Amino acid sequence: MAKGSSLSRSINAFYVEWSAINHYLSSYECEKNGIPYAGFGDPRVQKLWKGLSGQEKREIMKRLGAKNETELQNYFT
């Protein structure tokens, strides 16, 4: 149980940190307010992604229905 909880915390931290990069705004809100949106391909987001374990990456891709990182990039673009 603790391992699953730790996995969820790491995944949530990834999303929270990514959101912070975007000033807690969605891509739509960024566009509407003239703020550049940091998508999955942004180097800062990639740094966060690379900090995740393989299991965490697989879990995110599973949740989003992506088979690989390329599909994941398309999902977030």
Protein backbone atom coordinates (compact mmCIF):
# COMPACT_ATOMS: atom_id res chain seq x y z
CA MET A 1 0.00 0.00 0.00
CA ALA A 2 2.75 2.44 0.89
CA LYS A 3 4.41 1.92 -2.49
CA GLY A 4 1.19 2.80 -4.35
CA SER A 5 0.73 5.85 -2.18
CA SER A 6 4.28 6.97 -2.89
CA LEU A 7 3.68 6.44 -6.62
CA SER A 8 0.56 8.61 -6.52
CA ARG A 9 2.38 11.34 -4.59
CA SER A 10 5.17 11.45 -7.17
CA ILE A 11 2.71 11.60 -10.05
CA ASN A 12 0.69 14.33 -8.33
CA ALA A 13 3.89 16.27 -7.63
CA PHE A 14 4.77 16.06 -11.35
CA TYR A 15 1.41 17.59 -12.32
CA VAL A 16 1.55 20.25 -9.59
CA GLU A 17 5.07 21.33 -10.57
CA TRP A 18 4.10 21.42 -14.25
CA SER A 19 1.06 23.49 -13.35
CA ALA A 20 3.28 25.88 -11.38
CA ILE A 21 5.45 26.38 -14.47
CA ASN A 22 2.25 27.54 -16.21
CA HIS A 23 1.24 29.81 -13.32
CA TYR A 24 -1.56 27.34 -12.47
CA LEU A 25 -3.33 28.18 -15.74
CA SER A 26 -4.65 25.78 -18.36
CA SER A 27 -3.36 25.96 -21.92
CA TYR A 28 -6.57 27.78 -22.86
CA GLU A 29 -6.14 30.33 -20.06
CA CYS A 30 -2.49 30.87 -21.00
CA GLU A 31 -3.45 31.50 -24.63
CA LYS A 32 -6.31 33.79 -23.63
CA ASN A 33 -4.00 35.84 -21.39
CA GLY A 34 -1.07 35.93 -23.82
CA ILE A 35 1.15 33.78 -21.60
CA PRO A 36 3.26 31.12 -23.34
CA TYR A 37 2.09 27.64 -22.30
CA ALA A 38 4.79 25.17 -21.29
CA GLY A 39 3.68 21.94 -22.96
CA PHE A 40 5.09 18.45 -22.58
CA GLY A 41 7.96 19.23 -24.95
CA ASP A 42 9.11 22.23 -22.89
CA PRO A 43 12.60 21.61 -21.41
CA ARG A 44 11.39 22.39 -17.88
CA VAL A 45 8.58 19.83 -18.18
CA GLN A 46 10.97 17.31 -19.73
CA LYS A 47 13.28 17.77 -16.73
CA LEU A 48 10.35 16.92 -14.43
CA TRP A 49 9.45 13.93 -16.64
CA LYS A 50 13.01 12.61 -16.57
CA GLY A 51 12.92 12.80 -12.77
CA LEU A 52 10.09 10.25 -12.65
CA SER A 53 10.79 6.54 -12.34
CA GLY A 54 9.93 4.18 -15.17
CA GLN A 55 6.97 2.87 -13.19
CA GLU A 56 5.64 6.41 -12.66
CA LYS A 57 5.98 7.19 -16.36
CA ARG A 58 4.18 3.97 -17.31
CA GLU A 59 1.37 4.77 -14.87
CA ILE A 60 0.86 8.25 -16.35
CA MET A 61 0.85 6.84 -19.88
CA LYS A 62 -1.58 4.10 -18.82
CA ARG A 63 -3.95 6.65 -17.26
CA LEU A 64 -3.91 8.74 -20.43
CA GLY A 65 -4.09 5.80 -22.83
CA ALA A 66 -0.73 6.57 -24.45
CA LYS A 67 1.42 3.68 -25.66
CA ASN A 68 4.68 5.65 -25.70
CA GLU A 69 6.15 9.10 -25.03
CA THR A 70 5.44 10.28 -28.58
CA GLU A 71 1.74 9.60 -28.13
CA LEU A 72 1.94 11.32 -24.76
CA GLN A 73 3.48 14.38 -26.37
CA ASN A 74 0.63 14.44 -28.91
CA TYR A 75 -1.87 14.17 -26.07
CA PHE A 76 -0.44 17.22 -24.29
CA THR A 77 -0.03 19.35 -27.42
